[in-house]
Amino acid sequence: MSILCWMASLLAFGILPPRAVQTPQLPSGPWTPARVLTFVLHAESEMGKLQFKLTENMHNNAPGTCGGMPLNVAIRKSEAMPRIEAVVTGKALPCYVATYLGCDVGDWLGDNYSRRDWHGPDLSPYTKSNVTIIEQGPDRVLADVTEVPTECVLDGVATVTDNDNPRPATQAELADVTDVSRYTIERGKDGVWRISDRKPSFEWDCHLNDHPPRSAK
């Protein structure tokens, strides 16, 4: 898509921390496209809050490395994992942890904030994402959700910049968005629905150890 994102340059150089987004209200009932989108945005909100918490706590002496660089932002696994596991499970779990929070280092999850390839996923869902339900059953839903560059999303809203002034993107400007993630949402034995898989159109980091930097785009 050809839209200019107001936060792109600031995020690339680490001037701004990742933003925590507003938590949407989770609906109940049948799985409609609106319910899928709200559920996906809820998971995004939780990961955004943990990213924000990560950058609030600068741990210059945190043990270990990530991407070959010493950790300087970290969060205790005991604080982060219960919140993540409330919304994500299965194949998706290590991918969410590694992409949004960094490496698994003992009791910590963390990264080096100056690494240019770490600030979360390349693409993110937004409040006007198109959702196509591929299939669904009593305990499983499979759906495609359109996504835009993460730096274009502010509090869940896809934005563009006009003369350095950010504003929400119009439907016409979003009409040519073709990037999607295919989400699998499953109900566990405890009756709780979670994202169990996500197949994005970008390179998805699923390595929890001291993973190498992602390839240049």
C-alpha atoms as a PDB file:
ATOM      1  CA  MET A   1       0.000   0.000   0.000  1.00  0.00           C
ATOM      2  CA  SER A   2       1.242   3.496  -0.750  1.00  0.00           C
ATOM      3  CA  ILE A   3       0.613   5.504   2.394  1.00  0.00           C
ATOM      4  CA  LEU A   4       3.101   7.480   4.436  1.00  0.00           C
ATOM      5  CA  CYS A   5       3.347   6.569   8.094  1.00  0.00           C
ATOM      6  CA  TRP A   6       4.003   9.339  10.570  1.00  0.00           C
ATOM      7  CA  MET A   7       5.823   7.163  13.134  1.00  0.00           C
ATOM      8  CA  ALA A   8       8.074   5.285  10.708  1.00  0.00           C
ATOM      9  CA  SER A   9      11.279   7.283  11.036  1.00  0.00           C
ATOM     10  CA  LEU A  10      10.928   7.766  14.782  1.00  0.00           C
ATOM     11  CA  LEU A  11      10.407   4.076  15.462  1.00  0.00           C
ATOM     12  CA  ALA A  12      13.231   3.074  13.134  1.00  0.00           C
ATOM     13  CA  PHE A  13      15.732   5.041  15.185  1.00  0.00           C
ATOM     14  CA  GLY A  14      14.306   4.066  18.568  1.00  0.00           C
ATOM     15  CA  ILE A  15      13.130   7.591  19.496  1.00  0.00           C
ATOM     16  CA  LEU A  16       9.661   6.437  20.466  1.00  0.00           C
ATOM     17  CA  PRO A  17       8.799   3.300  22.445  1.00  0.00           C
ATOM     18  CA  PRO A  18       6.150   0.889  21.160  1.00  0.00           C
ATOM     19  CA  ARG A  19       2.708   2.239  22.056  1.00  0.00           C
ATOM     20  CA  ALA A  20       0.211   0.401  24.207  1.00  0.00           C
ATOM     21  CA  VAL A  21      -3.140   0.329  22.416  1.00  0.00           C
ATOM     22  CA  GLN A  22      -6.615   0.496  23.871  1.00  0.00           C
ATOM     23  CA  THR A  23      -8.154  -2.848  24.848  1.00  0.00           C
ATOM     24  CA  PRO A  24     -11.324  -3.507  22.829  1.00  0.00           C
ATOM     25  CA  GLN A  25     -14.398  -5.050  24.389  1.00  0.00           C
ATOM     26  CA  LEU A  26     -14.571  -8.749  23.563  1.00  0.00           C
ATOM     27  CA  PRO A  27     -17.933  -9.817  22.126  1.00  0.00           C
ATOM     28  CA  SER A  28     -19.525 -13.206  22.614  1.00  0.00           C
ATOM     29  CA  GLY A  29     -21.781 -15.287  20.417  1.00  0.00           C
ATOM     30  CA  PRO A  30     -21.186 -16.551  16.859  1.00  0.00           C
ATOM     31  CA  TRP A  31     -17.845 -15.914  15.181  1.00  0.00           C
ATOM     32  CA  THR A  32     -18.538 -13.047  12.812  1.00  0.00           C
ATOM     33  CA  PRO A  33     -15.822 -11.021  11.024  1.00  0.00           C
ATOM     34  CA  ALA A  34     -16.330  -8.272  13.624  1.00  0.00           C
ATOM     35  CA  ARG A  35     -15.780 -10.712  16.470  1.00  0.00           C
ATOM     36  CA  VAL A  36     -12.620 -12.120  14.844  1.00  0.00           C
ATOM     37  CA  LEU A  37     -11.219  -8.616  14.389  1.00  0.00           C
ATOM     38  CA  THR A  38     -12.004  -7.610  17.970  1.00  0.00           C
ATOM     39  CA  PHE A  39     -10.343 -10.794  19.233  1.00  0.00           C
ATOM     40  CA  VAL A  40      -7.213 -10.246  17.128  1.00  0.00           C
ATOM     41  CA  LEU A  41      -6.997  -6.593  18.197  1.00  0.00           C
ATOM     42  CA  HIS A  42      -7.326  -7.689  21.830  1.00  0.00           C
ATOM     43  CA  ALA A  43      -4.257  -9.930  21.447  1.00  0.00           C
ATOM     44  CA  GLU A  44      -2.445  -7.049  19.737  1.00  0.00           C
ATOM     45  CA  SER A  45      -3.396  -4.773  22.624  1.00  0.00           C
ATOM     46  CA  GLU A  46      -2.016  -7.172  25.219  1.00  0.00           C
ATOM     47  CA  MET A  47       1.276  -7.535  23.341  1.00  0.00           C
ATOM     48  CA  GLY A  48       1.500  -3.758  22.903  1.00  0.00           C
ATOM     49  CA  LYS A  49       1.082  -3.229  26.639  1.00  0.00           C
ATOM     50  CA  LEU A  50       3.821  -5.742  27.363  1.00  0.00           C
ATOM     51  CA  GLN A  51       6.109  -4.043  24.843  1.00  0.00           C
ATOM     52  CA  PHE A  52       5.459  -0.740  26.568  1.00  0.00           C
ATOM     53  CA  LYS A  53       6.182  -2.340  29.943  1.00  0.00           C
ATOM     54  CA  LEU A  54       9.370  -3.813  28.500  1.00  0.00           C
ATOM     55  CA  THR A  55      10.695  -0.410  27.439  1.00  0.00           C
ATOM     56  CA  GLU A  56       9.670   1.242  30.700  1.00  0.00           C
ATOM     57  CA  ASN A  57      12.093  -1.031  32.545  1.00  0.00           C
ATOM     58  CA  MET A  58      15.584  -0.382  31.244  1.00  0.00           C
ATOM     59  CA  HIS A  59      17.760  -3.220  32.553  1.00  0.00           C
ATOM     60  CA  ASN A  60      21.285  -2.240  31.586  1.00  0.00           C
ATOM     61  CA  ASN A  61      22.670  -5.189  33.552  1.00  0.00           C
ATOM     62  CA  ALA A  62      20.126  -7.802  32.434  1.00  0.00           C
ATOM     63  CA  PRO A  63      21.853 -11.110  31.664  1.00  0.00           C
ATOM     64  CA  GLY A  64      22.353 -12.469  28.187  1.00  0.00           C
ATOM     65  CA  THR A  65      22.105 -11.238  24.628  1.00  0.00           C
ATOM     66  CA  CYS A  66      19.563 -11.070  21.825  1.00  0.00           C
ATOM     67  CA  GLY A  67      20.466 -10.662  18.179  1.00  0.00           C
ATOM     68  CA  GLY A  68      24.089 -10.686  19.276  1.00  0.00           C
ATOM     69  CA  MET A  69      23.627  -7.588  21.422  1.00  0.00           C
ATOM     70  CA  PRO A  70      23.361  -7.283  25.228  1.00  0.00           C
ATOM     71  CA  LEU A  71      19.882  -6.916  26.671  1.00  0.00           C
ATOM     72  CA  ASN A  72      18.911  -3.422  27.763  1.00  0.00           C
ATOM     73  CA  VAL A  73      15.132  -3.858  27.894  1.00  0.00           C
ATOM     74  CA  ALA A  74      13.627  -6.831  29.693  1.00  0.00           C
ATOM     75  CA  ILE A  75      10.568  -8.098  31.502  1.00  0.00           C
ATOM     76  CA  ARG A  76      10.293 -11.053  33.865  1.00  0.00           C
ATOM     77  CA  LYS A  77       8.757 -14.142  32.303  1.00  0.00           C
ATOM     78  CA  SER A  78       6.657 -14.621  35.429  1.00  0.00           C
ATOM     79  CA  GLU A  79       4.955 -11.290  34.666  1.00  0.00           C
ATOM     80  CA  ALA A  80       4.648 -11.570  30.889  1.00  0.00           C
ATOM     81  CA  MET A  81       3.862 -15.214  30.132  1.00  0.00           C
ATOM     82  CA  PRO A  82       0.548 -15.571  32.025  1.00  0.00           C
ATOM     83  CA  ARG A  83      -0.807 -12.552  30.134  1.00  0.00           C
ATOM     84  CA  ILE A  84       0.386 -13.881  26.780  1.00  0.00           C
ATOM     85  CA  GLU A  85      -0.836 -17.414  27.425  1.00  0.00           C
ATOM     86  CA  ALA A  86      -4.289 -16.022  28.201  1.00  0.00           C
ATOM     87  CA  VAL A  87      -4.684 -15.058  24.510  1.00  0.00           C
ATOM     88  CA  VAL A  88      -2.075 -17.065  22.551  1.00  0.00           C
ATOM     89  CA  THR A  89      -1.144 -20.753  22.518  1.00  0.00           C
ATOM     90  CA  GLY A  90       0.328 -23.521  20.363  1.00  0.00           C
ATOM     91  CA  LYS A  91       2.451 -22.686  17.300  1.00  0.00           C
ATOM     92  CA  ALA A  92       1.720 -18.987  17.681  1.00  0.00           C
ATOM     93  CA  LEU A  93       3.103 -18.680  21.217  1.00  0.00           C
ATOM     94  CA  PRO A  94       6.876 -18.610  20.542  1.00  0.00           C
ATOM     95  CA  CYS A  95       6.319 -16.376  17.509  1.00  0.00           C
ATOM     96  CA  TYR A  96       4.419 -13.755  19.494  1.00  0.00           C
ATOM     97  CA  VAL A  97       6.969 -13.829  22.309  1.00  0.00           C
ATOM     98  CA  ALA A  98      10.030 -13.597  20.043  1.00  0.00           C
ATOM     99  CA  THR A  99       8.646 -10.992  17.644  1.00  0.00           C
ATOM    100  CA  TYR A 100       7.103  -8.656  20.214  1.00  0.00           C
ATOM    101  CA  LEU A 101       9.404  -9.116  23.222  1.00  0.00           C
ATOM    102  CA  GLY A 102      12.696 -10.639  22.061  1.00  0.00           C
ATOM    103  CA  CYS A 103      14.691 -13.542  23.468  1.00  0.00           C
ATOM    104  CA  ASP A 104      14.125 -16.030  26.278  1.00  0.00           C
ATOM    105  CA  VAL A 105      17.030 -15.507  28.713  1.00  0.00           C
ATOM    106  CA  GLY A 106      16.565 -17.421  31.948  1.00  0.00           C
ATOM    107  CA  ASP A 107      13.961 -15.650  34.044  1.00  0.00           C
ATOM    108  CA  TRP A 108      13.724 -12.805  31.531  1.00  0.00           C
ATOM    109  CA  LEU A 109      12.325 -11.949  28.113  1.00  0.00           C
ATOM    110  CA  GLY A 110      14.193  -9.085  26.504  1.00  0.00           C
ATOM    111  CA  ASP A 111      16.046  -7.453  23.679  1.00  0.00           C
ATOM    112  CA  ASN A 112      18.355  -4.585  22.797  1.00  0.00           C
ATOM    113  CA  TYR A 113      16.237  -1.556  21.983  1.00  0.00           C
ATOM    114  CA  SER A 114      18.745  -0.199  19.458  1.00  0.00           C
ATOM    115  CA  ARG A 115      18.340  -3.205  17.165  1.00  0.00           C
ATOM    116  CA  ARG A 116      16.575  -1.785  14.120  1.00  0.00           C
ATOM    117  CA  ASP A 117      14.876  -5.085  13.265  1.00  0.00           C
ATOM    118  CA  TRP A 118      13.106  -5.300  16.615  1.00  0.00           C
ATOM    119  CA  HIS A 119      10.048  -3.246  17.358  1.00  0.00           C
ATOM    120  CA  GLY A 120       7.392  -5.886  16.918  1.00  0.00           C
ATOM    121  CA  PRO A 121       5.895  -7.360  13.754  1.00  0.00           C
ATOM    122  CA  ASP A 122       6.323  -5.777  10.334  1.00  0.00           C
ATOM    123  CA  LEU A 123       2.541  -5.705   9.805  1.00  0.00           C
ATOM    124  CA  SER A 124      -0.369  -5.302  12.210  1.00  0.00           C
ATOM    125  CA  PRO A 125      -4.176  -5.462  12.091  1.00  0.00           C
ATOM    126  CA  TYR A 126      -6.153  -2.252  12.514  1.00  0.00           C
ATOM    127  CA  THR A 127      -9.684  -1.233  13.415  1.00  0.00           C
ATOM    128  CA  LYS A 128     -10.895  -1.271   9.792  1.00  0.00           C
ATOM    129  CA  SER A 129      -9.139  -4.484   8.759  1.00  0.00           C
ATOM    130  CA  ASN A 130     -11.067  -6.658   6.349  1.00  0.00           C
ATOM    131  CA  VAL A 131     -11.775 -10.103   7.767  1.00  0.00           C
ATOM    132  CA  THR A 132     -12.610 -13.156   5.678  1.00  0.00           C
ATOM    133  CA  ILE A 133     -13.686 -16.249   7.600  1.00  0.00           C
ATOM    134  CA  ILE A 134     -12.271 -19.275   5.774  1.00  0.00           C
ATOM    135  CA  GLU A 135     -13.849 -21.949   7.935  1.00  0.00           C
ATOM    136  CA  GLN A 136     -15.262 -22.393  11.393  1.00  0.00           C
ATOM    137  CA  GLY A 137     -16.528 -25.120  13.666  1.00  0.00           C
ATOM    138  CA  PRO A 138     -17.592 -25.410  17.300  1.00  0.00           C
ATOM    139  CA  ASP A 139     -13.986 -25.175  18.576  1.00  0.00           C
ATOM    140  CA  ARG A 140     -11.988 -23.614  15.739  1.00  0.00           C
ATOM    141  CA  VAL A 141     -12.079 -20.570  13.465  1.00  0.00           C
ATOM    142  CA  LEU A 142      -9.780 -19.836  10.531  1.00  0.00           C
ATOM    143  CA  ALA A 143      -9.766 -16.285   9.162  1.00  0.00           C
ATOM    144  CA  ASP A 144      -7.710 -13.905   7.014  1.00  0.00           C
ATOM    145  CA  VAL A 145      -7.209 -10.389   8.432  1.00  0.00           C
ATOM    146  CA  THR A 146      -5.703  -7.558   6.376  1.00  0.00           C
ATOM    147  CA  GLU A 147      -2.702  -5.777   7.898  1.00  0.00           C
ATOM    148  CA  VAL A 148      -0.671  -2.637   7.249  1.00  0.00           C
ATOM    149  CA  PRO A 149       2.885  -1.688   8.308  1.00  0.00           C
ATOM    150  CA  THR A 150       3.015  -1.568  12.085  1.00  0.00           C
ATOM    151  CA  GLU A 151       4.478   1.942  12.061  1.00  0.00           C
ATOM    152  CA  CYS A 152       1.267   3.091  10.324  1.00  0.00           C
ATOM    153  CA  VAL A 153      -0.942   1.922  13.216  1.00  0.00           C
ATOM    154  CA  LEU A 154      -1.608   4.319  16.089  1.00  0.00           C
ATOM    155  CA  ASP A 155      -3.867   3.068  18.904  1.00  0.00           C
ATOM    156  CA  GLY A 156      -5.273   0.501  16.493  1.00  0.00           C
ATOM    157  CA  VAL A 157      -6.061   3.030  13.740  1.00  0.00           C
ATOM    158  CA  ALA A 158      -4.297   2.924  10.359  1.00  0.00           C
ATOM    159  CA  THR A 159      -2.877   6.398   9.754  1.00  0.00           C
ATOM    160  CA  VAL A 160      -1.380   8.444   6.942  1.00  0.00           C
ATOM    161  CA  THR A 161       0.547  11.705   7.010  1.00  0.00           C
ATOM    162  CA  ASP A 162      -0.426  14.868   5.147  1.00  0.00           C
ATOM    163  CA  ASN A 163       2.195  17.617   5.413  1.00  0.00           C
ATOM    164  CA  ASP A 164       3.547  16.093   8.637  1.00  0.00           C
ATOM    165  CA  ASN A 165       0.032  15.907  10.125  1.00  0.00           C
ATOM    166  CA  PRO A 166      -1.151  12.369  10.923  1.00  0.00           C
ATOM    167  CA  ARG A 167      -4.757  11.434  10.245  1.00  0.00           C
ATOM    168  CA  PRO A 168      -6.785   8.217   9.944  1.00  0.00           C
ATOM    169  CA  ALA A 169      -6.506   6.558   6.546  1.00  0.00           C
ATOM    170  CA  THR A 170      -9.662   6.595   4.447  1.00  0.00           C
ATOM    171  CA  GLN A 171     -11.352   3.493   3.097  1.00  0.00           C
ATOM    172  CA  ALA A 172     -10.162   4.490  -0.384  1.00  0.00           C
ATOM    173  CA  GLU A 173      -6.567   4.655   0.838  1.00  0.00           C
ATOM    174  CA  LEU A 174      -6.924   1.239   2.468  1.00  0.00           C
ATOM    175  CA  ALA A 175      -8.678  -0.336  -0.492  1.00  0.00           C
ATOM    176  CA  ASP A 176      -5.469  -1.691  -2.025  1.00  0.00           C
ATOM    177  CA  VAL A 177      -4.249  -3.421   1.147  1.00  0.00           C
ATOM    178  CA  THR A 178      -3.567  -7.035   0.216  1.00  0.00           C
ATOM    179  CA  ASP A 179      -1.281  -8.232   3.027  1.00  0.00           C
ATOM    180  CA  VAL A 180      -3.013 -10.618   5.414  1.00  0.00           C
ATOM    181  CA  SER A 181      -2.304 -12.862   8.339  1.00  0.00           C
ATOM    182  CA  ARG A 182      -4.251 -16.094   8.505  1.00  0.00           C
ATOM    183  CA  TYR A 183      -5.290 -16.616  12.116  1.00  0.00           C
ATOM    184  CA  THR A 184      -6.380 -19.868  13.706  1.00  0.00           C
ATOM    185  CA  ILE A 185      -8.432 -19.296  16.856  1.00  0.00           C
ATOM    186  CA  GLU A 186      -9.230 -22.363  18.931  1.00  0.00           C
ATOM    187  CA  ARG A 187     -11.157 -23.130  22.090  1.00  0.00           C
ATOM    188  CA  GLY A 188      -9.044 -24.988  24.639  1.00  0.00           C
ATOM    189  CA  LYS A 189     -10.101 -27.667  27.080  1.00  0.00           C
ATOM    190  CA  ASP A 190     -10.619 -24.897  29.624  1.00  0.00           C
ATOM    191  CA  GLY A 191     -13.226 -23.325  27.339  1.00  0.00           C
ATOM    192  CA  VAL A 192     -11.059 -20.277  26.586  1.00  0.00           C
ATOM    193  CA  TRP A 193     -10.522 -19.126  23.007  1.00  0.00           C
ATOM    194  CA  ARG A 194      -6.920 -18.328  22.020  1.00  0.00           C
ATOM    195  CA  ILE A 195      -4.903 -17.679  18.874  1.00  0.00           C
ATOM    196  CA  SER A 196      -3.158 -20.999  18.174  1.00  0.00           C
ATOM    197  CA  ASP A 197      -1.545 -20.110  14.858  1.00  0.00           C
ATOM    198  CA  ARG A 198      -0.844 -17.047  12.722  1.00  0.00           C
ATOM    199  CA  LYS A 199       0.536 -17.285   9.211  1.00  0.00           C
ATOM    200  CA  PRO A 200       1.562 -13.751   8.212  1.00  0.00           C
ATOM    201  CA  SER A 201       2.739 -12.378   4.871  1.00  0.00           C
ATOM    202  CA  PHE A 202       5.935 -11.095   6.509  1.00  0.00           C
ATOM    203  CA  GLU A 203       8.898 -12.921   8.057  1.00  0.00           C
ATOM    204  CA  TRP A 204       7.623 -14.196  11.395  1.00  0.00           C
ATOM    205  CA  ASP A 205      10.281 -14.559  14.119  1.00  0.00           C
ATOM    206  CA  CYS A 206       9.674 -17.711  16.160  1.00  0.00           C
ATOM    207  CA  HIS A 207      13.137 -18.206  17.707  1.00  0.00           C
ATOM    208  CA  LEU A 208      13.151 -17.616  21.455  1.00  0.00           C
ATOM    209  CA  ASN A 209      16.872 -18.139  21.910  1.00  0.00           C
ATOM    210  CA  ASP A 210      19.538 -15.609  20.849  1.00  0.00           C
ATOM    211  CA  HIS A 211      18.119 -15.380  17.356  1.00  0.00           C
ATOM    212  CA  PRO A 212      19.957 -13.679  14.485  1.00  0.00           C
ATOM    213  CA  PRO A 213      18.596 -10.395  13.071  1.00  0.00           C
ATOM    214  CA  ARG A 214      15.805 -10.793  10.544  1.00  0.00           C
ATOM    215  CA  SER A 215      16.763 -10.402   6.885  1.00  0.00           C
ATOM    216  CA  ALA A 216      16.733  -6.885   5.485  1.00  0.00           C
ATOM    217  CA  LYS A 217      13.496  -6.105   3.692  1.00  0.00           C
END
